[in-house]
């Protein structure tokens, strides 16, 4: 749905698209706890995916429209950090609740309680045209797909998502199967991992903005953060792959730190390269290709663990992909400024904006 929702976000009121998607995924979450049978369960999860698809194209559209470059690091750190705070709280809280009450009441409760966000969004959602007004037509899909910077960002984003899906889908099993933790101990350790990830994301975004406000090049600052994050995660993954029972935890938390350091820039790149009027399309495409990591990572990891009996090979592959992703961010993406995609020479297709008077 990423490939479709990006067009919707650029075409219609982004605030309403975000609210509609949120209602859909909240209700699908609650309904998951009510249905019986594998078919209905899969239908609810599919509907949830449709609703969730609006999240990042919408948030990127809003940030690109309303915030200047030197504030987008922290803002994206909050958004991406919240993606990690969710599992930090959910793994601990929902894990303990499921152990006591079962999974159905937890799904129903989370889905219904989430709807309390809607009145707040209706009151405090951003309004107005924002920082820039378009004076020419927004760029289309073909123009974006012919941009080298787009493919560099998509490749880097894919590697970041690979690590994200590895942690979300396999970290609990790893802690219980390979480290022999109880359910309660697993929830605490996994929550600590996601908490480190989130805090690193927030702090990196704020620090990057600080340096940009001091006059440093946004290209150099944001690419340096991505390189540091990917390198940290890759080294820590290799350390975790060969760690013993007494020293695996520091390596695991270092992986979370590397993931968080790189997380603040994933969508900040796209917002600057696309510009306010095309952020939905660009992020929809970038996040769509990047989310194929969610298809590859869980299946490949499961096959490797089943064949070898441990996570060594799975972590080594993730480390290699993180290194490749770091190179993609640094060398695959061009100068961090609003891009006119390659081969797009007609004035009506260019990405041009007038600064507000």
Protein backbone atom coordinates (compact mmCIF):
# COMPACT_ATOMS: atom_id res chain seq x y z
CA UNK A 1 0.00 0.00 0.00
CA UNK A 2 2.98 2.37 0.31
CA UNK A 3 3.04 2.77 -3.45
CA UNK A 4 -0.62 3.85 -3.47
CA UNK A 5 -0.88 5.88 -0.31
CA UNK A 6 1.93 8.23 -1.34
CA UNK A 7 -0.26 9.47 -4.19
CA UNK A 8 -3.23 9.86 -1.82
CA UNK A 9 -1.15 11.92 0.60
CA UNK A 10 -0.03 14.34 -2.12
CA UNK A 11 -3.51 14.50 -3.64
CA UNK A 12 -5.80 14.94 -0.60
CA UNK A 13 -5.73 16.59 2.82
CA UNK A 14 -2.86 14.87 4.63
CA UNK A 15 -4.45 15.38 8.06
CA UNK A 16 -7.59 13.51 7.03
CA UNK A 17 -5.67 10.72 5.31
CA UNK A 18 -3.64 10.18 8.49
CA UNK A 19 -6.75 10.17 10.69
CA UNK A 20 -8.61 7.75 8.40
CA UNK A 21 -5.69 5.34 8.31
CA UNK A 22 -5.32 5.53 12.08
CA UNK A 23 -9.00 4.67 12.63
CA UNK A 24 -8.70 1.72 10.26
CA UNK A 25 -5.63 0.20 11.90
CA UNK A 26 -6.92 0.80 15.44
CA UNK A 27 -10.21 -0.94 14.70
CA UNK A 28 -8.39 -3.77 12.90
CA UNK A 29 -6.20 -4.23 15.97
CA UNK A 30 -9.23 -4.48 18.24
CA UNK A 31 -11.04 -6.81 15.82
CA UNK A 32 -8.02 -9.12 15.78
CA UNK A 33 -8.84 -10.01 19.37
CA UNK A 34 -12.44 -10.85 18.48
CA UNK A 35 -12.21 -12.99 15.34
CA UNK A 36 -11.73 -16.75 15.21
CA UNK A 37 -10.08 -18.83 12.51
CA UNK A 38 -6.93 -18.25 10.52
CA UNK A 39 -8.72 -16.71 7.51
CA UNK A 40 -10.40 -13.92 9.50
CA UNK A 41 -7.21 -13.39 11.47
CA UNK A 42 -5.25 -12.85 8.25
CA UNK A 43 -7.96 -10.51 6.92
CA UNK A 44 -7.69 -8.35 10.04
CA UNK A 45 -3.92 -8.20 9.74
CA UNK A 46 -4.21 -7.22 6.08
CA UNK A 47 -6.65 -4.42 6.96
CA UNK A 48 -4.30 -3.28 9.70
CA UNK A 49 -1.50 -3.07 7.13
CA UNK A 50 -3.66 -0.93 4.85
CA UNK A 51 -4.33 1.48 7.70
CA UNK A 52 -0.75 1.61 8.93
CA UNK A 53 0.55 2.41 5.45
CA UNK A 54 -0.42 6.07 5.86
CA UNK A 55 1.89 6.71 8.82
CA UNK A 56 5.23 7.66 7.29
CA UNK A 57 4.11 9.26 4.02
CA UNK A 58 1.74 11.46 6.06
CA UNK A 59 4.22 12.36 8.79
CA UNK A 60 6.90 13.13 6.19
CA UNK A 61 4.51 15.31 4.21
CA UNK A 62 3.65 17.26 7.37
CA UNK A 63 7.27 17.72 8.47
CA UNK A 64 8.46 18.68 4.98
CA UNK A 65 5.69 21.27 4.74
CA UNK A 66 5.92 22.82 8.20
CA UNK A 67 9.53 22.51 9.43
CA UNK A 68 12.81 23.90 8.06
CA UNK A 69 15.84 21.66 7.59
CA UNK A 70 17.47 22.57 10.91
CA UNK A 71 14.47 21.28 12.88
CA UNK A 72 13.75 18.09 10.93
CA UNK A 73 16.38 15.96 12.68
CA UNK A 74 14.70 16.18 16.08
CA UNK A 75 11.23 15.93 14.57
CA UNK A 76 12.13 12.78 12.65
CA UNK A 77 13.93 11.51 15.74
CA UNK A 78 10.65 11.84 17.63
CA UNK A 79 8.71 10.05 14.88
CA UNK A 80 11.23 7.24 14.36
CA UNK A 81 12.02 7.08 18.07
CA UNK A 82 8.33 6.60 18.80
CA UNK A 83 8.41 3.64 16.42
CA UNK A 84 10.91 2.13 18.87
CA UNK A 85 9.25 3.40 22.06
CA UNK A 86 6.15 1.48 20.96
CA UNK A 87 7.89 -1.91 21.08
CA UNK A 88 9.75 -0.86 24.24
CA UNK A 89 6.48 -0.26 26.06
CA UNK A 90 4.48 -2.87 24.17
CA UNK A 91 6.94 -5.72 24.61
CA UNK A 92 7.08 -5.13 28.34
CA UNK A 93 3.50 -4.08 29.06
CA UNK A 94 1.68 -6.25 26.52
CA UNK A 95 3.97 -9.19 27.26
CA UNK A 96 3.16 -9.10 30.96
CA UNK A 97 -0.56 -8.55 30.29
CA UNK A 98 -0.67 -11.45 27.83
CA UNK A 99 1.05 -13.70 30.34
CA UNK A 100 -1.74 -12.91 32.79
CA UNK A 101 -4.88 -12.38 30.69
CA UNK A 102 -4.14 -13.93 27.29
CA UNK A 103 -3.60 -12.20 23.96
CA UNK A 104 -7.21 -11.41 22.94
CA UNK A 105 -8.03 -8.82 25.65
CA UNK A 106 -4.67 -7.11 25.00
CA UNK A 107 -5.40 -6.66 21.28
CA UNK A 108 -8.91 -5.38 21.97
CA UNK A 109 -7.71 -2.97 24.64
CA UNK A 110 -4.81 -1.54 22.63
CA UNK A 111 -7.00 -1.03 19.56
CA UNK A 112 -9.78 0.79 21.43
CA UNK A 113 -7.57 2.86 23.72
CA UNK A 114 -5.58 4.06 20.70
CA UNK A 115 -8.69 5.84 19.41
CA UNK A 116 -8.24 8.42 22.17
CA UNK A 117 -5.57 9.98 19.94
CA UNK A 118 -8.18 11.17 17.43
CA UNK A 119 -9.69 14.09 19.46
CA UNK A 120 -6.21 15.38 20.19
CA UNK A 121 -5.27 15.20 16.52
CA UNK A 122 -8.48 16.98 15.52
CA UNK A 123 -7.62 19.86 17.88
CA UNK A 124 -3.85 20.23 17.37
CA UNK A 125 -3.23 19.03 13.81
CA UNK A 126 -1.10 21.41 11.72
CA UNK A 127 -2.98 23.89 9.59
CA UNK A 128 -2.13 26.26 6.78
CA UNK A 129 0.16 25.95 3.75
CA UNK A 130 3.34 25.72 5.83
CA UNK A 131 6.73 27.05 4.82
CA UNK A 132 6.56 26.77 1.05
CA UNK A 133 4.01 27.24 -1.68
CA UNK A 134 4.26 25.33 -4.94
CA UNK A 135 4.56 27.42 -8.09
CA UNK A 136 4.83 24.46 -10.48
CA UNK A 137 3.39 20.97 -10.82
CA UNK A 138 4.65 18.34 -8.41
CA UNK A 139 6.92 15.62 -9.73
CA UNK A 140 5.45 12.29 -10.81
CA UNK A 141 6.47 8.71 -10.10
CA UNK A 142 8.64 8.29 -13.19
CA UNK A 143 10.65 11.39 -12.39
CA UNK A 144 11.32 10.18 -8.85
CA UNK A 145 12.26 6.68 -10.02
CA UNK A 146 14.89 8.09 -12.36
CA UNK A 147 16.69 9.89 -9.53
CA UNK A 148 19.96 8.35 -8.34
CA UNK A 149 19.44 9.85 -4.90
CA UNK A 150 16.09 8.09 -4.61
CA UNK A 151 17.64 4.67 -5.17
CA UNK A 152 20.50 5.44 -2.81
CA UNK A 153 18.00 6.40 -0.11
CA UNK A 154 15.82 3.36 -0.85
CA UNK A 155 18.81 0.99 -0.57
CA UNK A 156 19.94 2.57 2.71
CA UNK A 157 16.40 2.48 4.04
CA UNK A 158 16.08 -1.21 3.08
CA UNK A 159 19.11 -2.08 5.20
CA UNK A 160 17.77 -0.09 8.16
CA UNK A 161 14.42 -1.85 7.85
CA UNK A 162 16.13 -5.23 7.66
CA UNK A 163 17.58 -4.64 11.12
CA UNK A 164 14.25 -3.30 12.38
CA UNK A 165 12.36 -6.39 11.21
CA UNK A 166 15.07 -8.64 12.61
CA UNK A 167 14.61 -7.11 16.05
CA UNK A 168 10.82 -6.92 15.95
CA UNK A 169 10.20 -10.45 14.65
CA UNK A 170 13.12 -12.46 16.06
CA UNK A 171 14.55 -10.72 19.13
CA UNK A 172 12.08 -12.30 21.60
CA UNK A 173 12.71 -15.77 20.16
CA UNK A 174 16.48 -15.19 20.21
CA UNK A 175 16.41 -14.22 23.88
CA UNK A 176 14.29 -17.20 24.87
CA UNK A 177 15.81 -19.83 22.56
CA UNK A 178 19.51 -18.92 22.52
CA UNK A 179 19.85 -17.02 25.81
CA UNK A 180 17.33 -19.16 27.73
CA UNK A 181 15.45 -16.25 29.30
CA UNK A 182 12.01 -16.61 30.84
CA UNK A 183 9.08 -14.72 29.32
CA UNK A 184 9.29 -12.06 32.02
CA UNK A 185 13.08 -11.64 31.65
CA UNK A 186 12.78 -11.57 27.86
CA UNK A 187 10.25 -8.73 27.96
CA UNK A 188 12.53 -6.62 30.17
CA UNK A 189 15.66 -7.19 28.07
CA UNK A 190 13.86 -6.64 24.76
CA UNK A 191 12.27 -3.47 26.12
CA UNK A 192 15.71 -2.20 27.14
CA UNK A 193 16.94 -2.78 23.56
CA UNK A 194 14.11 -0.77 22.02
CA UNK A 195 14.49 1.95 24.65
CA UNK A 196 18.18 2.40 23.79
CA UNK A 197 17.23 2.47 20.10
CA UNK A 198 14.62 5.18 20.71
CA UNK A 199 16.85 7.36 22.89
CA UNK A 200 19.69 7.16 20.35
CA UNK A 201 17.26 8.20 17.62
CA UNK A 202 16.03 11.23 19.56
CA UNK A 203 19.47 12.41 20.64
CA UNK A 204 21.00 11.97 17.17
CA UNK A 205 18.26 14.02 15.55
CA UNK A 206 18.71 16.82 18.08
CA UNK A 207 22.51 16.83 17.76
CA UNK A 208 22.33 16.86 13.95
CA UNK A 209 20.00 19.86 14.03
CA UNK A 210 22.37 21.65 16.42
CA UNK A 211 25.29 21.33 14.01
CA UNK A 212 23.15 22.42 11.04
CA UNK A 213 22.02 25.52 12.93
CA UNK A 214 25.68 26.28 13.62
CA UNK A 215 26.26 26.49 9.88
CA UNK A 216 27.53 23.00 9.03
CA UNK A 217 26.43 21.40 5.77
CA UNK A 218 23.19 19.38 6.13
CA UNK A 219 24.63 16.90 3.63
CA UNK A 220 27.74 16.28 5.69
CA UNK A 221 25.92 16.23 9.04
CA UNK A 222 23.13 13.84 8.05
CA UNK A 223 25.41 11.53 6.05
CA UNK A 224 27.90 11.38 8.94
CA UNK A 225 25.12 10.31 11.30
CA UNK A 226 24.00 7.57 8.91
CA UNK A 227 27.55 6.31 8.46
CA UNK A 228 28.13 6.23 12.22
CA UNK A 229 24.86 4.44 12.91
CA UNK A 230 25.27 1.79 10.24
CA UNK A 231 28.91 1.11 11.18
CA UNK A 232 28.05 0.84 14.88
CA UNK A 233 25.19 -1.58 14.22
CA UNK A 234 27.29 -3.71 11.85
CA UNK A 235 30.19 -4.07 14.29
CA UNK A 236 27.85 -4.79 17.20
CA UNK A 237 25.93 -7.41 15.19
CA UNK A 238 29.16 -9.27 14.51
CA UNK A 239 30.03 -9.04 18.21
CA UNK A 240 26.59 -10.34 19.13
CA UNK A 241 26.90 -13.20 16.64
CA UNK A 242 29.90 -14.61 18.54
CA UNK A 243 29.10 -13.38 22.06
CA UNK A 244 28.86 -15.73 24.99
CA UNK A 245 26.15 -15.88 27.65
CA UNK A 246 27.96 -13.38 29.88
CA UNK A 247 28.64 -10.61 27.37
CA UNK A 248 25.84 -10.69 24.79
CA UNK A 249 23.81 -7.90 26.43
CA UNK A 250 26.27 -5.01 25.81
CA UNK A 251 26.61 -6.06 22.17
CA UNK A 252 22.84 -6.24 21.80
CA UNK A 253 22.34 -2.78 23.29
CA UNK A 254 25.08 -1.44 20.98
CA UNK A 255 23.08 -2.80 18.03
CA UNK A 256 20.10 -0.84 19.31
CA UNK A 257 22.22 2.31 19.61
CA UNK A 258 23.45 1.95 16.02
CA UNK A 259 19.91 1.39 14.79
CA UNK A 260 18.74 4.51 16.58
CA UNK A 261 21.60 6.71 15.37
CA UNK A 262 20.71 5.92 11.77
CA UNK A 263 16.96 6.01 12.36
CA UNK A 264 16.62 9.78 12.69
CA UNK A 265 17.75 10.42 9.12
CA UNK A 266 15.81 7.82 7.16
CA UNK A 267 12.86 10.08 6.40
CA UNK A 268 14.69 13.40 6.87
CA UNK A 269 16.61 12.63 3.67
CA UNK A 270 13.41 11.97 1.76
CA UNK A 271 11.67 15.13 2.99
CA UNK A 272 14.51 17.37 1.81
CA UNK A 273 15.12 15.57 -1.48
CA UNK A 274 11.43 15.46 -2.40
CA UNK A 275 10.24 18.85 -1.21
CA UNK A 276 6.89 19.58 0.47
CA UNK A 277 4.58 18.85 -2.45
CA UNK A 278 6.13 15.53 -3.46
CA UNK A 279 7.08 14.13 -0.03
CA UNK A 280 4.12 11.74 0.01
CA UNK A 281 5.00 10.10 -3.30
CA UNK A 282 8.74 9.94 -2.56
CA UNK A 283 8.32 8.49 0.93
CA UNK A 284 5.62 6.08 -0.25
CA UNK A 285 7.96 4.71 -2.91
CA UNK A 286 11.06 4.72 -0.68
CA UNK A 287 9.29 3.09 2.26
CA UNK A 288 7.53 0.64 -0.06
CA UNK A 289 10.77 -0.70 -1.50
CA UNK A 290 12.40 -0.63 1.95
CA UNK A 291 9.60 -2.70 3.44
CA UNK A 292 10.44 -5.63 1.22
CA UNK A 293 12.96 -6.20 4.01
CA UNK A 294 9.93 -7.26 6.03
CA UNK A 295 9.30 -10.00 3.48
CA UNK A 296 12.91 -11.15 3.25
CA UNK A 297 14.27 -10.82 6.78
CA UNK A 298 11.83 -12.93 8.85
CA UNK A 299 11.78 -15.77 6.32
CA UNK A 300 15.55 -15.83 5.70
CA UNK A 301 16.33 -15.58 9.41
CA UNK A 302 13.95 -18.40 10.23
CA UNK A 303 15.45 -20.64 7.55
CA UNK A 304 19.00 -19.95 8.76
CA UNK A 305 18.15 -20.54 12.41
CA UNK A 306 16.30 -23.74 11.53
CA UNK A 307 19.25 -25.00 9.49
CA UNK A 308 22.13 -23.97 11.77
CA UNK A 309 20.46 -24.03 15.19
CA UNK A 310 21.76 -20.54 16.09
CA UNK A 311 21.64 -16.89 15.01
CA UNK A 312 25.29 -16.49 13.95
CA UNK A 313 24.68 -16.52 10.19
CA UNK A 314 21.53 -14.40 10.50
CA UNK A 315 23.38 -11.69 12.44
CA UNK A 316 26.34 -11.79 10.03
CA UNK A 317 24.05 -11.20 7.05
CA UNK A 318 22.37 -8.31 8.87
CA UNK A 319 25.81 -6.82 9.61
CA UNK A 320 26.81 -7.02 5.93
CA UNK A 321 23.56 -5.35 4.86
CA UNK A 322 24.06 -2.55 7.40
CA UNK A 323 27.50 -1.84 5.97
CA UNK A 324 26.13 -1.79 2.44
CA UNK A 325 23.34 0.48 3.58
CA UNK A 326 25.81 2.92 5.08
CA UNK A 327 27.64 3.11 1.76
CA UNK A 328 24.30 3.70 -0.01
CA UNK A 329 23.45 6.68 2.21
CA UNK A 330 26.90 8.23 1.85
CA UNK A 331 27.73 7.55 -1.80
CA UNK A 332 24.38 6.67 -3.41
CA UNK A 333 22.58 9.82 -2.29
CA UNK A 334 23.72 13.09 -3.79
CA UNK A 335 23.77 16.52 -2.23
CA UNK A 336 21.03 16.92 0.38
CA UNK A 337 18.83 19.47 -1.32
CA UNK A 338 15.55 19.41 -3.17
CA UNK A 339 16.16 17.22 -6.19
CA UNK A 340 15.09 17.59 -9.78
CA UNK A 341 15.04 13.95 -10.87
CA UNK A 342 17.32 12.94 -13.74
CA UNK A 343 15.83 13.15 -17.19
CA UNK A 344 13.09 15.53 -16.08
CA UNK A 345 13.67 18.69 -18.12
CA UNK A 346 10.19 20.09 -18.69
CA UNK A 347 9.54 23.17 -16.52
CA UNK A 348 6.06 21.93 -15.60
CA UNK A 349 7.60 18.84 -14.03
CA UNK A 350 10.35 20.51 -12.03
CA UNK A 351 10.29 20.77 -8.27
CA UNK A 352 10.31 24.54 -7.73
CA UNK A 353 8.97 26.38 -4.68
CA UNK A 354 8.60 29.98 -3.67
CA UNK A 355 9.69 31.04 -0.22
CA UNK A 356 6.90 32.70 1.80
CA UNK A 357 7.08 36.47 1.88
